[in-house]
Amino acid sequence: MSDDHHVPTAAHGLNPEPGERLARPFTRFAKLSSSGGIVLLLMTAIAMIWANSKYADTYNEIFYKTKTTIAVSIEPDHADSGAHHGEADLHTTDHSEDHAESAIEHAADEIEETIEDHSMVAEGKDAHADDGHDGHGGHGWIPVTEEPMWYQQHSSALWINDLLMAIFFLVVGLEIKREILVGELASPKRAALPIFGALGGMIGPALIFVAFNFGKETIGGWGIPMATDIAFAVGILAMLGSRIPNSLKVFLTSLAIVDDLGALVVIAVFYTENLELAYLGYAGSIVAVLMFMNVLRVRWITLYLVMGLPLWYFVYMSGVHATIAGVLLALTIPAHARVNAVNYVFSTRKALDVFANAHDDPEYDVTESSERRAAVNAIMHNSRMVMPPLHRIEHVLHPWAAFVIIPVFALANAGIPIHGGISENLSDPAAIGIILGLVIGKPLGIILLCYLACLMGIASLPRGVSWRHILGAGCLGGIGFTMAIFIANLAYANNIAHLEHAKLAILVASAISAIAGAVILLTCKARPEPEPETMGPLVDDDEDE
């Protein structure tokens, strides 16, 4: 979540250029806190209409039937360089067009035959698993013993869920770390209320789901209604405007972040099959190197991201869901600044003095003054030094996660074909457990454990927030969507019928929760807001001591 304190920049007061006028509606939209939720909702609607239209085959073809293969070939050390059997990297001694095309076609045919010979889909597995809904039990990364080649073949949907979503989980991990170190979760007193609320919001829905699915084959989806979608929940709060206390927004954001942390633990522990200890050890070694880089105060962001690639691979091969690699990487990225505020102010003011005194004419073009260019570069360097790598990478990735990754994920996963009536689809035990878990279990669990924390004296309500506000926020917590669909893909990877019912139930429950939460919050009476310096879920009276 990016900070927004409306600090003016050097462009303030300038007449917009033609390109800026054209892009202004889009940039304003992108700055809205609710924009991510709006784009997500739009992509969900498009996916649902597309999957239930006459073009449904096209949807399935793009996201599930079309396979994309990544092949890596290691060239054997032969004296005859022309004797390479089925290599992905093609070499030819004859550079003519006809020979090159022939070599490419021949190699492509051999790679395709090799892939077919080493198919990772076991005989008797659910047919839909071949369309991209296979789990991680078989990994899919198969060393071809006859040839020095490894390959990965997946549908577009699974590449999105396994690889692209790892970037989203990196952003989630950065938010969790930031909140724990310097945010609302840094102080035990401030963190108590959202932590208790998040625990209630996870336990309540899980218990309701288990009550309706105990002893049935759908029991594996108990983790689905535990999740909260930050983008949707906070976006709705933003759309409700200034009538919602800022302290409630902080509470719900902190609760959703703790909720995400709990969902990550559930994914890593309960939705992991066929754990490969060797690859898990390799992943641990990469994490150890990243932590050592953190200890050495290595601040080069690119190096951390490059190290994240083998980390993703080893986590994937270990059997743990590959997106956990994004969280592990986030936890190792430095959150400390290279220089303090005093040094930043002193050096930046010196650079500004150099800039101001470099020429008598204040309108003198900076491109014609080497001194002014040097001063600007010094200010840019100072800004990078005072901003921790964690905040810099979060600032860069957050728009991509909100406006690209999550909408693409929704487009690929929310296209649920509805066979029969709505009531027939929602009569599935998994669907009933999900709807009741998100709509009833979430707000009930949140408000009960928050009340318990206040009763025990561990926490207290933020100033300006009533129990009705907490109930409304609890209802918004029932908007599971992104994380809920993600867990559903893991829980019902081998049962397409239950997966479709679960996804439809998530959409219905999220819509009901959004409407209920908005209505409750709109009926709340306005209460006095706390001063900015005491804003938060709970004022820590010991902070000034």
Protein backbone atom coordinates (compact mmCIF):
# COMPACT_ATOMS: atom_id res chain seq x y z
CA MET A 1 0.00 0.00 0.00
CA SER A 2 1.60 3.20 -1.09
CA ASP A 3 1.69 6.25 1.11
CA ASP A 4 -0.32 9.26 -0.05
CA HIS A 5 0.39 12.49 1.81
CA HIS A 6 -0.13 14.79 -1.21
CA VAL A 7 3.41 16.17 -1.10
CA PRO A 8 3.88 18.59 -4.03
CA THR A 9 6.54 17.79 -6.60
CA ALA A 10 8.54 19.96 -9.00
CA ALA A 11 5.78 19.51 -11.60
CA HIS A 12 3.24 21.23 -9.31
CA GLY A 13 1.68 24.29 -10.97
CA LEU A 14 3.07 23.58 -14.45
CA ASN A 15 0.83 23.70 -17.47
CA PRO A 16 0.24 20.10 -18.62
CA GLU A 17 1.79 19.06 -21.91
CA PRO A 18 -0.36 17.44 -24.65
CA GLY A 19 0.74 13.92 -23.74
CA GLU A 20 0.01 14.56 -20.07
CA ARG A 21 -3.49 15.85 -20.89
CA LEU A 22 -4.18 12.69 -22.85
CA ALA A 23 -2.96 10.42 -20.05
CA ARG A 24 -4.49 12.43 -17.20
CA PRO A 25 -7.74 10.38 -16.88
CA PHE A 26 -5.73 7.18 -16.71
CA THR A 27 -3.17 8.46 -14.21
CA ARG A 28 -5.93 9.83 -11.97
CA PHE A 29 -7.71 6.49 -12.13
CA ALA A 30 -4.49 4.64 -11.27
CA LYS A 31 -3.98 6.82 -8.17
CA LEU A 32 -7.40 5.97 -6.71
CA SER A 33 -7.20 3.55 -3.80
CA SER A 34 -10.24 1.75 -5.16
CA SER A 35 -8.91 1.43 -8.71
CA GLY A 36 -7.36 -1.99 -8.18
CA GLY A 37 -10.67 -3.35 -6.92
CA ILE A 38 -12.54 -1.80 -9.84
CA VAL A 39 -10.20 -3.36 -12.41
CA LEU A 40 -10.44 -6.68 -10.58
CA LEU A 41 -14.24 -6.53 -10.64
CA LEU A 42 -14.21 -5.67 -14.34
CA MET A 43 -11.95 -8.60 -15.23
CA THR A 44 -14.12 -10.93 -13.17
CA ALA A 45 -17.22 -9.84 -15.06
CA ILE A 46 -15.45 -10.26 -18.40
CA ALA A 47 -14.28 -13.76 -17.45
CA MET A 48 -17.77 -14.86 -16.35
CA ILE A 49 -19.44 -13.50 -19.49
CA TRP A 50 -16.74 -14.94 -21.74
CA ALA A 51 -16.84 -18.42 -20.16
CA ASN A 52 -20.64 -18.60 -20.51
CA SER A 53 -20.91 -17.17 -24.01
CA LYS A 54 -20.70 -18.82 -27.42
CA TYR A 55 -16.97 -18.03 -27.29
CA ALA A 56 -16.40 -20.25 -24.24
CA ASP A 57 -14.26 -22.63 -26.29
CA THR A 58 -11.91 -19.75 -27.04
CA TYR A 59 -11.59 -19.02 -23.32
CA ASN A 60 -10.71 -22.64 -22.55
CA GLU A 61 -8.34 -22.79 -25.51
CA ILE A 62 -6.39 -19.73 -24.37
CA PHE A 63 -6.13 -20.44 -20.67
CA TYR A 64 -6.39 -24.22 -20.28
CA LYS A 65 -5.90 -26.18 -23.50
CA THR A 66 -2.97 -24.31 -24.99
CA LYS A 67 0.28 -25.60 -23.50
CA THR A 68 3.45 -23.56 -23.15
CA THR A 69 6.69 -25.45 -22.71
CA ILE A 70 10.00 -24.19 -21.36
CA ALA A 71 12.86 -26.48 -22.36
CA VAL A 72 16.46 -26.27 -21.20
CA SER A 73 19.14 -28.21 -23.04
CA ILE A 74 22.68 -28.91 -21.92
CA GLU A 75 24.95 -29.51 -24.87
CA PRO A 76 26.91 -32.76 -24.46
CA ASP A 77 30.65 -32.64 -24.97
CA HIS A 78 31.02 -34.59 -28.20
CA ALA A 79 33.85 -34.40 -30.66
CA ASP A 80 31.30 -34.24 -33.43
CA SER A 81 29.48 -31.01 -32.75
CA GLY A 82 26.78 -31.96 -35.23
CA ALA A 83 25.58 -34.98 -33.22
CA HIS A 84 23.16 -33.27 -30.85
CA HIS A 85 20.03 -35.29 -30.23
CA GLY A 86 16.90 -33.14 -29.79
CA GLU A 87 18.59 -30.07 -28.32
CA ALA A 88 16.47 -27.01 -27.58
CA ASP A 89 19.31 -24.67 -28.55
CA LEU A 90 19.85 -25.41 -32.21
CA HIS A 91 23.25 -25.33 -33.91
CA THR A 92 24.00 -25.93 -37.57
CA THR A 93 27.18 -25.82 -39.57
CA ASP A 94 25.30 -24.96 -42.75
CA HIS A 95 23.91 -21.43 -42.50
CA SER A 96 21.65 -21.61 -45.52
CA GLU A 97 17.96 -20.85 -44.94
CA ASP A 98 16.69 -24.24 -46.16
CA HIS A 99 19.02 -26.21 -43.93
CA ALA A 100 18.25 -24.00 -40.89
CA GLU A 101 14.51 -24.38 -41.34
CA SER A 102 14.90 -28.14 -41.73
CA ALA A 103 16.99 -28.36 -38.55
CA ILE A 104 14.47 -26.32 -36.59
CA GLU A 105 11.54 -28.44 -37.75
CA HIS A 106 13.42 -31.67 -37.01
CA ALA A 107 14.44 -30.52 -33.51
CA ALA A 108 10.93 -29.30 -32.73
CA ASP A 109 9.50 -32.68 -33.75
CA GLU A 110 11.99 -34.51 -31.52
CA ILE A 111 11.25 -32.24 -28.53
CA GLU A 112 7.51 -32.80 -28.98
CA GLU A 113 8.02 -36.57 -29.17
CA THR A 114 10.19 -36.49 -26.05
CA ILE A 115 7.57 -34.52 -24.15
CA GLU A 116 4.87 -36.99 -25.17
CA ASP A 117 7.06 -39.96 -24.17
CA HIS A 118 7.66 -38.48 -20.72
CA SER A 119 4.16 -37.18 -20.04
CA MET A 120 3.76 -36.23 -16.39
CA VAL A 121 0.03 -37.01 -16.33
CA ALA A 122 -0.53 -40.36 -14.65
CA GLU A 123 -2.98 -42.78 -16.25
CA GLY A 124 -6.41 -42.59 -14.67
CA LYS A 125 -5.99 -39.00 -13.43
CA ASP A 126 -8.95 -36.68 -13.85
CA ALA A 127 -9.19 -35.56 -17.46
CA HIS A 128 -9.36 -31.90 -16.56
CA ALA A 129 -6.01 -32.08 -14.82
CA ASP A 130 -4.52 -32.45 -18.30
CA ASP A 131 -6.03 -29.10 -19.14
CA GLY A 132 -3.93 -27.28 -16.62
CA HIS A 133 -5.46 -28.12 -13.24
CA ASP A 134 -2.82 -30.59 -12.16
CA GLY A 135 -1.35 -30.29 -8.69
CA HIS A 136 2.23 -30.09 -7.63
CA GLY A 137 2.54 -33.72 -6.70
CA GLY A 138 4.32 -34.59 -9.94
CA HIS A 139 6.04 -31.20 -10.32
CA GLY A 140 6.18 -31.50 -14.11
CA TRP A 141 9.93 -30.82 -14.20
CA ILE A 142 11.13 -34.17 -15.49
CA PRO A 143 14.79 -34.92 -16.29
CA VAL A 144 14.81 -36.74 -19.61
CA THR A 145 17.29 -39.55 -19.05
CA GLU A 146 17.97 -40.14 -22.74
CA GLU A 147 18.70 -36.51 -23.45
CA PRO A 148 20.35 -33.73 -21.38
CA MET A 149 17.14 -31.71 -21.24
CA TRP A 150 14.62 -30.54 -18.62
CA TYR A 151 11.28 -29.12 -19.56
CA GLN A 152 8.12 -27.69 -18.05
CA GLN A 153 4.80 -27.85 -19.83
CA HIS A 154 1.80 -25.99 -18.44
CA SER A 155 -1.38 -24.31 -19.55
CA SER A 156 -1.51 -20.51 -19.51
CA ALA A 157 -3.64 -20.55 -16.36
CA LEU A 158 -1.09 -22.57 -14.42
CA TRP A 159 1.80 -20.37 -15.56
CA ILE A 160 -0.21 -17.43 -14.25
CA ASN A 161 -1.01 -19.17 -10.95
CA ASP A 162 2.47 -20.54 -10.32
CA LEU A 163 4.84 -17.98 -11.81
CA LEU A 164 3.06 -14.66 -12.23
CA MET A 165 1.34 -14.89 -8.85
CA ALA A 166 4.74 -15.34 -7.19
CA ILE A 167 5.31 -11.63 -7.93
CA PHE A 168 2.01 -10.79 -6.24
CA PHE A 169 3.04 -12.81 -3.20
CA LEU A 170 6.35 -10.92 -3.21
CA VAL A 171 4.34 -7.69 -2.84
CA VAL A 172 2.24 -9.29 -0.08
CA GLY A 173 5.42 -10.35 1.72
CA LEU A 174 6.84 -6.83 1.44
CA GLU A 175 3.65 -5.38 2.94
CA ILE A 176 3.73 -7.89 5.80
CA LYS A 177 7.37 -7.13 6.59
CA ARG A 178 6.83 -3.36 6.41
CA GLU A 179 3.83 -3.49 8.73
CA ILE A 180 5.70 -5.67 11.22
CA LEU A 181 8.79 -3.45 11.26
CA VAL A 182 7.44 0.09 11.02
CA GLY A 183 3.67 -0.14 10.55
CA GLU A 184 0.64 -0.83 12.67
CA LEU A 185 1.90 -4.31 13.58
CA ALA A 186 5.19 -2.98 14.99
CA SER A 187 3.74 -2.23 18.42
CA PRO A 188 2.19 -5.16 20.34
CA LYS A 189 -0.60 -2.92 21.65
CA ARG A 190 -1.50 -1.63 18.21
CA ALA A 191 -1.19 -5.05 16.63
CA ALA A 192 -3.37 -6.87 19.18
CA LEU A 193 -6.78 -5.90 17.78
CA PRO A 194 -6.15 -6.70 14.08
CA ILE A 195 -4.28 -9.90 15.02
CA PHE A 196 -7.17 -11.16 17.16
CA GLY A 197 -9.61 -10.08 14.47
CA ALA A 198 -7.66 -11.93 11.79
CA LEU A 199 -7.50 -15.09 13.91
CA GLY A 200 -11.27 -14.98 14.42
CA GLY A 201 -11.74 -14.31 10.72
CA MET A 202 -9.80 -17.48 9.91
CA ILE A 203 -11.10 -19.82 12.60
CA GLY A 204 -14.81 -18.96 12.23
CA PRO A 205 -15.12 -19.65 8.47
CA ALA A 206 -13.01 -22.81 8.70
CA LEU A 207 -15.23 -24.24 11.45
CA ILE A 208 -18.41 -23.48 9.50
CA PHE A 209 -16.97 -25.10 6.38
CA VAL A 210 -15.93 -28.21 8.29
CA ALA A 211 -19.40 -28.46 9.86
CA PHE A 212 -20.98 -28.76 6.40
CA ASN A 213 -18.28 -30.91 4.79
CA PHE A 214 -17.04 -33.20 7.55
CA GLY A 215 -16.57 -36.75 6.29
CA LYS A 216 -17.12 -35.73 2.65
CA GLU A 217 -14.65 -35.57 -0.21
CA THR A 218 -14.99 -31.78 -0.24
CA ILE A 219 -13.41 -31.40 3.21
CA GLY A 220 -10.09 -30.46 1.63
CA GLY A 221 -11.43 -26.98 0.86
CA TRP A 222 -11.62 -25.90 4.52
CA GLY A 223 -8.97 -23.23 3.92
CA ILE A 224 -10.86 -21.49 1.12
CA PRO A 225 -13.15 -19.20 3.20
CA MET A 226 -10.30 -18.14 5.51
CA ALA A 227 -8.85 -15.51 3.15
CA THR A 228 -9.55 -11.79 2.73
CA ASP A 229 -8.94 -9.84 -0.49
CA ILE A 230 -7.09 -6.64 0.45
CA ALA A 231 -7.70 -4.87 -2.86
CA PHE A 232 -11.47 -5.29 -2.76
CA ALA A 233 -11.96 -4.71 0.96
CA VAL A 234 -9.83 -1.56 1.22
CA GLY A 235 -11.12 -0.36 -2.15
CA ILE A 236 -14.71 -0.39 -0.90
CA LEU A 237 -13.68 1.52 2.20
CA ALA A 238 -12.03 4.11 -0.03
CA MET A 239 -15.19 4.42 -2.14
CA LEU A 240 -17.24 5.10 0.99
CA GLY A 241 -15.25 8.30 1.42
CA SER A 242 -14.49 10.47 4.44
CA ARG A 243 -17.47 9.23 6.48
CA ILE A 244 -15.33 6.16 7.32
CA PRO A 245 -12.77 6.81 10.11
CA ASN A 246 -9.17 6.55 8.96
CA SER A 247 -8.44 4.40 11.99
CA LEU A 248 -10.95 1.83 10.68
CA LYS A 249 -9.13 1.76 7.34
CA VAL A 250 -5.86 1.13 9.18
CA PHE A 251 -7.52 -1.63 11.22
CA LEU A 252 -8.96 -3.41 8.17
CA THR A 253 -5.69 -3.12 6.24
CA SER A 254 -3.70 -4.55 9.15
CA LEU A 255 -6.27 -7.32 9.63
CA ALA A 256 -6.11 -8.24 5.93
CA ILE A 257 -2.31 -8.36 6.03
CA VAL A 258 -2.33 -10.68 9.07
CA ASP A 259 -5.02 -12.71 7.30
CA ASP A 260 -2.75 -13.05 4.25
CA LEU A 261 0.06 -14.23 6.51
CA GLY A 262 -2.24 -16.90 7.94
CA ALA A 263 -3.31 -17.96 4.45
CA LEU A 264 0.33 -18.32 3.43
CA VAL A 265 0.97 -20.61 6.39
CA VAL A 266 -2.09 -22.69 5.49
CA ILE A 267 -0.91 -23.01 1.87
CA ALA A 268 2.63 -23.96 2.85
CA VAL A 269 1.66 -26.47 5.56
CA PHE A 270 -1.67 -28.00 4.56
CA TYR A 271 -1.69 -27.77 0.76
CA THR A 272 1.72 -29.25 0.12
CA GLU A 273 1.98 -32.79 -1.25
CA ASN A 274 4.97 -35.06 -1.89
CA LEU A 275 7.51 -32.88 -0.15
CA GLU A 276 10.97 -33.22 -1.71
CA LEU A 277 13.47 -32.60 1.08
CA ALA A 278 16.46 -32.26 -1.25
CA TYR A 279 14.92 -29.37 -3.18
CA LEU A 280 13.64 -27.90 0.06
CA GLY A 281 17.23 -27.91 1.27
CA TYR A 282 18.38 -26.16 -1.90
CA ALA A 283 15.70 -23.52 -1.38
CA GLY A 284 16.86 -23.12 2.23
CA SER A 285 20.40 -22.58 1.00
CA ILE A 286 19.24 -19.77 -1.30
CA VAL A 287 17.32 -18.17 1.56
CA ALA A 288 20.45 -18.43 3.74
CA VAL A 289 22.48 -16.64 1.06
CA LEU A 290 19.82 -13.92 0.80
CA MET A 291 19.80 -13.48 4.57
CA PHE A 292 23.61 -13.25 4.56
CA MET A 293 23.35 -10.56 1.88
CA ASN A 294 20.92 -8.73 4.16
CA VAL A 295 23.35 -8.99 7.08
CA LEU A 296 26.12 -7.62 4.87
CA ARG A 297 23.82 -4.69 4.05
CA VAL A 298 23.74 -5.49 0.34
CA ARG A 299 21.26 -2.97 -1.08
CA TRP A 300 21.35 -3.91 -4.78
CA ILE A 301 17.73 -4.82 -5.51
CA THR A 302 18.51 -6.48 -8.85
CA LEU A 303 20.74 -9.03 -7.13
CA TYR A 304 17.92 -10.06 -4.78
CA LEU A 305 15.51 -10.45 -7.70
CA VAL A 306 18.02 -12.53 -9.66
CA MET A 307 18.49 -14.79 -6.64
CA GLY A 308 14.72 -15.12 -6.51
CA LEU A 309 14.69 -17.11 -9.78
CA PRO A 310 16.51 -20.21 -8.47
CA LEU A 311 14.60 -19.81 -5.21
CA TRP A 312 11.32 -20.03 -7.13
CA TYR A 313 12.55 -23.10 -9.02
CA PHE A 314 13.68 -24.98 -5.90
CA VAL A 315 10.51 -24.14 -3.97
CA TYR A 316 8.45 -25.34 -6.90
CA MET A 317 10.41 -28.59 -7.15
CA SER A 318 10.16 -29.15 -3.38
CA GLY A 319 6.39 -29.60 -3.58
CA VAL A 320 5.60 -26.43 -1.63
CA HIS A 321 3.57 -24.06 -3.77
CA ALA A 322 5.96 -21.94 -5.81
CA THR A 323 4.36 -18.63 -4.82
CA ILE A 324 5.74 -19.06 -1.29
CA ALA A 325 9.11 -18.21 -2.86
CA GLY A 326 7.87 -14.65 -3.33
CA VAL A 327 7.18 -14.31 0.39
CA LEU A 328 10.54 -15.84 1.35
CA LEU A 329 12.31 -13.42 -0.97
CA ALA A 330 10.40 -10.46 0.47
CA LEU A 331 11.41 -11.32 4.02
CA THR A 332 15.11 -11.08 3.09
CA ILE A 333 15.00 -7.71 1.31
CA PRO A 334 16.58 -4.96 3.48
CA ALA A 335 14.20 -2.57 5.22
CA HIS A 336 16.86 -0.16 6.53
CA ALA A 337 17.97 3.14 5.00
CA ARG A 338 21.60 3.77 4.12
CA VAL A 339 21.54 7.33 5.49
CA ASN A 340 19.44 8.96 8.20
CA ALA A 341 17.16 11.95 7.88
CA VAL A 342 19.76 14.44 9.17
CA ASN A 343 22.35 13.44 6.57
CA TYR A 344 19.72 13.41 3.84
CA VAL A 345 18.50 16.92 4.66
CA PHE A 346 22.04 18.30 4.96
CA SER A 347 23.36 16.81 1.71
CA THR A 348 20.22 17.54 -0.26
CA ARG A 349 20.18 21.17 0.84
CA LYS A 350 23.82 21.46 -0.25
CA ALA A 351 22.88 20.01 -3.63
CA LEU A 352 19.97 22.45 -3.91
CA ASP A 353 22.32 25.34 -3.11
CA VAL A 354 24.65 24.19 -5.88
CA PHE A 355 21.68 23.95 -8.24
CA ALA A 356 20.39 27.42 -7.32
CA ASN A 357 23.79 29.14 -7.53
CA ALA A 358 24.97 27.42 -10.71
CA HIS A 359 23.59 30.18 -12.94
CA ASP A 360 22.19 33.67 -12.56
CA ASP A 361 19.12 32.90 -14.66
CA PRO A 362 16.71 30.68 -12.65
CA GLU A 363 15.08 29.58 -15.92
CA TYR A 364 18.38 28.37 -17.34
CA ASP A 365 17.95 24.91 -18.88
CA VAL A 366 19.40 22.20 -16.67
CA THR A 367 20.59 20.27 -19.71
CA GLU A 368 23.01 23.10 -20.50
CA SER A 369 24.55 23.22 -17.03
CA SER A 370 26.86 20.43 -15.88
CA GLU A 371 26.72 21.79 -12.31
CA ARG A 372 22.95 21.58 -12.18
CA ARG A 373 22.97 18.10 -13.67
CA ALA A 374 25.47 17.03 -11.02
CA ALA A 375 23.28 18.54 -8.29
CA VAL A 376 20.19 16.72 -9.58
CA ASN A 377 22.09 13.43 -9.75
CA ALA A 378 23.26 13.97 -6.17
CA ILE A 379 19.66 14.53 -5.01
CA MET A 380 18.54 11.38 -6.84
CA HIS A 381 21.35 9.42 -5.21
CA ASN A 382 20.43 10.82 -1.78
CA SER A 383 16.82 9.80 -2.31
CA ARG A 384 17.81 6.23 -3.15
CA MET A 385 20.04 6.10 -0.07
CA VAL A 386 17.36 7.35 2.34
CA MET A 387 14.62 5.08 0.95
CA PRO A 388 15.03 1.43 2.05
CA PRO A 389 15.13 -1.19 -0.73
CA LEU A 390 11.94 -2.75 0.67
CA HIS A 391 9.97 0.45 0.16
CA ARG A 392 11.50 1.12 -3.26
CA ILE A 393 10.67 -2.29 -4.68
CA GLU A 394 7.18 -2.22 -3.14
CA HIS A 395 6.57 1.18 -4.74
CA VAL A 396 7.58 -0.19 -8.15
CA LEU A 397 5.76 -3.54 -7.98
CA HIS A 398 2.51 -2.49 -6.30
CA PRO A 399 0.92 -0.94 -9.43
CA TRP A 400 1.93 -3.98 -11.48
CA ALA A 401 0.35 -6.29 -8.92
CA ALA A 402 -2.85 -4.23 -8.66
CA PHE A 403 -3.40 -3.45 -12.34
CA VAL A 404 -1.77 -6.35 -14.20
CA ILE A 405 -1.12 -9.49 -12.17
CA ILE A 406 -4.34 -9.70 -10.14
CA PRO A 407 -6.62 -8.72 -13.06
CA VAL A 408 -4.92 -11.34 -15.29
CA PHE A 409 -5.31 -13.89 -12.49
CA ALA A 410 -9.02 -13.03 -12.22
CA LEU A 411 -9.49 -13.26 -15.99
CA ALA A 412 -7.86 -16.71 -16.07
CA ASN A 413 -9.60 -18.13 -12.98
CA ALA A 414 -13.01 -16.46 -12.68
CA GLY A 415 -14.35 -17.84 -15.96
CA ILE A 416 -16.72 -20.36 -14.41
CA PRO A 417 -19.13 -22.13 -16.77
CA ILE A 418 -22.51 -22.41 -15.10
CA HIS A 419 -24.11 -25.73 -15.98
CA GLY A 420 -27.70 -25.86 -14.83
CA GLY A 421 -29.25 -23.38 -12.43
CA ILE A 422 -27.49 -21.21 -9.86
CA SER A 423 -29.21 -23.01 -7.00
CA GLU A 424 -28.04 -26.37 -8.35
CA ASN A 425 -24.42 -25.20 -8.45
CA LEU A 426 -24.58 -23.65 -4.99
CA SER A 427 -26.18 -26.72 -3.39
CA ASP A 428 -22.78 -28.44 -3.36
CA PRO A 429 -21.54 -28.90 0.26
CA ALA A 430 -18.32 -27.03 -0.60
CA ALA A 431 -20.30 -24.10 -1.99
CA ILE A 432 -22.54 -23.97 1.09
CA GLY A 433 -19.54 -24.06 3.42
CA ILE A 434 -17.77 -21.31 1.50
CA ILE A 435 -20.77 -18.97 1.32
CA LEU A 436 -21.72 -19.36 4.97
CA GLY A 437 -18.08 -19.25 6.02
CA LEU A 438 -17.38 -15.95 4.25
CA VAL A 439 -20.74 -14.24 4.79
CA ILE A 440 -21.38 -15.34 8.40
CA GLY A 441 -18.20 -16.93 9.73
CA LYS A 442 -15.92 -14.02 8.83
CA PRO A 443 -17.74 -11.14 10.54
CA LEU A 444 -18.80 -13.35 13.45
CA GLY A 445 -15.26 -14.59 14.08
CA ILE A 446 -13.75 -11.13 13.73
CA ILE A 447 -16.12 -9.36 16.08
CA LEU A 448 -16.10 -12.17 18.69
CA LEU A 449 -12.32 -12.33 19.01
CA CYS A 450 -11.97 -8.54 18.91
CA TYR A 451 -14.50 -8.33 21.73
CA LEU A 452 -12.60 -11.03 23.63
CA ALA A 453 -9.32 -9.11 23.22
CA CYS A 454 -10.92 -5.94 24.53
CA LEU A 455 -12.58 -7.83 27.40
CA MET A 456 -9.21 -9.26 28.43
CA GLY A 457 -7.62 -5.82 28.30
CA ILE A 458 -5.18 -6.84 25.58
CA ALA A 459 -6.61 -4.34 23.11
CA SER A 460 -9.21 -1.61 22.83
CA LEU A 461 -11.23 -0.06 20.05
CA PRO A 462 -9.52 2.74 18.10
CA ARG A 463 -10.79 6.25 18.77
CA GLY A 464 -13.62 7.11 16.42
CA VAL A 465 -14.51 3.45 15.83
CA SER A 466 -17.60 1.70 17.20
CA TRP A 467 -18.53 -1.96 17.33
CA ARG A 468 -20.84 -1.33 14.38
CA HIS A 469 -17.78 -0.21 12.42
CA ILE A 470 -16.01 -3.44 13.39
CA LEU A 471 -19.02 -5.47 12.23
CA GLY A 472 -19.02 -3.65 8.88
CA ALA A 473 -15.28 -4.19 8.48
CA GLY A 474 -15.82 -7.86 9.39
CA CYS A 475 -18.34 -8.19 6.59
CA LEU A 476 -15.85 -6.66 4.15
CA GLY A 477 -13.38 -9.25 5.40
CA GLY A 478 -15.70 -11.82 3.83
CA ILE A 479 -14.58 -10.66 0.38
CA GLY A 480 -12.26 -13.59 -0.20
CA PHE A 481 -11.86 -13.52 -3.97
CA THR A 482 -8.16 -13.56 -5.01
CA MET A 483 -6.69 -15.65 -2.19
CA ALA A 484 -9.84 -17.78 -1.86
CA ILE A 485 -9.81 -18.70 -5.56
CA PHE A 486 -6.09 -19.37 -5.27
CA ILE A 487 -6.59 -21.84 -2.41
CA ALA A 488 -9.56 -23.40 -4.24
CA ASN A 489 -7.27 -24.18 -7.17
CA LEU A 490 -5.01 -26.08 -4.77
CA ALA A 491 -7.75 -27.81 -2.79
CA TYR A 492 -9.74 -29.08 -5.77
CA ALA A 493 -7.02 -29.37 -8.40
CA ASN A 494 -8.19 -32.85 -9.36
CA ASN A 495 -11.94 -32.30 -9.19
CA ILE A 496 -13.20 -29.80 -11.73
CA ALA A 497 -16.83 -30.01 -10.57
CA HIS A 498 -16.04 -29.05 -6.99
CA LEU A 499 -13.61 -26.39 -8.22
CA GLU A 500 -16.25 -24.70 -10.37
CA HIS A 501 -18.78 -24.83 -7.52
CA ALA A 502 -16.22 -23.39 -5.12
CA LYS A 503 -15.30 -20.52 -7.45
CA LEU A 504 -18.93 -19.61 -8.04
CA ALA A 505 -19.56 -19.71 -4.29
CA ILE A 506 -16.58 -17.39 -3.71
CA LEU A 507 -17.96 -14.85 -6.18
CA VAL A 508 -21.46 -14.98 -4.68
CA ALA A 509 -20.18 -14.77 -1.09
CA SER A 510 -17.80 -11.91 -1.93
CA ALA A 511 -20.63 -9.93 -3.54
CA ILE A 512 -22.94 -10.47 -0.56
CA SER A 513 -20.18 -9.54 1.90
CA ALA A 514 -19.30 -6.37 -0.04
CA ILE A 515 -22.91 -5.18 -0.12
CA ALA A 516 -23.55 -6.04 3.54
CA GLY A 517 -20.35 -4.36 4.70
CA ALA A 518 -21.01 -1.19 2.70
CA VAL A 519 -24.60 -0.91 3.95
CA ILE A 520 -23.59 -1.38 7.60
CA LEU A 521 -20.77 1.17 7.37
CA LEU A 522 -22.98 3.72 5.63
CA THR A 523 -25.44 3.54 8.54
CA CYS A 524 -22.75 4.16 11.16
CA LYS A 525 -22.80 7.47 12.98
CA ALA A 526 -19.80 9.70 12.58
CA ARG A 527 -17.54 9.86 15.65
CA PRO A 528 -14.66 12.20 16.50
CA GLU A 529 -11.43 11.40 14.68
CA PRO A 530 -8.17 11.06 16.62
CA GLU A 531 -5.34 13.48 16.02
CA PRO A 532 -2.90 12.44 13.26
CA GLU A 533 -0.12 11.62 15.69
CA THR A 534 -2.37 9.20 17.59
CA MET A 535 -4.03 7.66 14.53
CA GLY A 536 -4.07 3.89 14.57
CA PRO A 537 -5.90 0.85 15.89
CA LEU A 538 -4.68 1.60 19.39
CA VAL A 539 -2.67 4.45 20.87
CA ASP A 540 0.52 3.27 22.54
CA ASP A 541 0.82 5.50 25.59
CA ASP A 542 4.36 4.27 26.25
CA GLU A 543 5.76 5.45 22.92
CA ASP A 544 6.81 8.91 24.15
CA GLU A 545 8.48 7.65 27.28
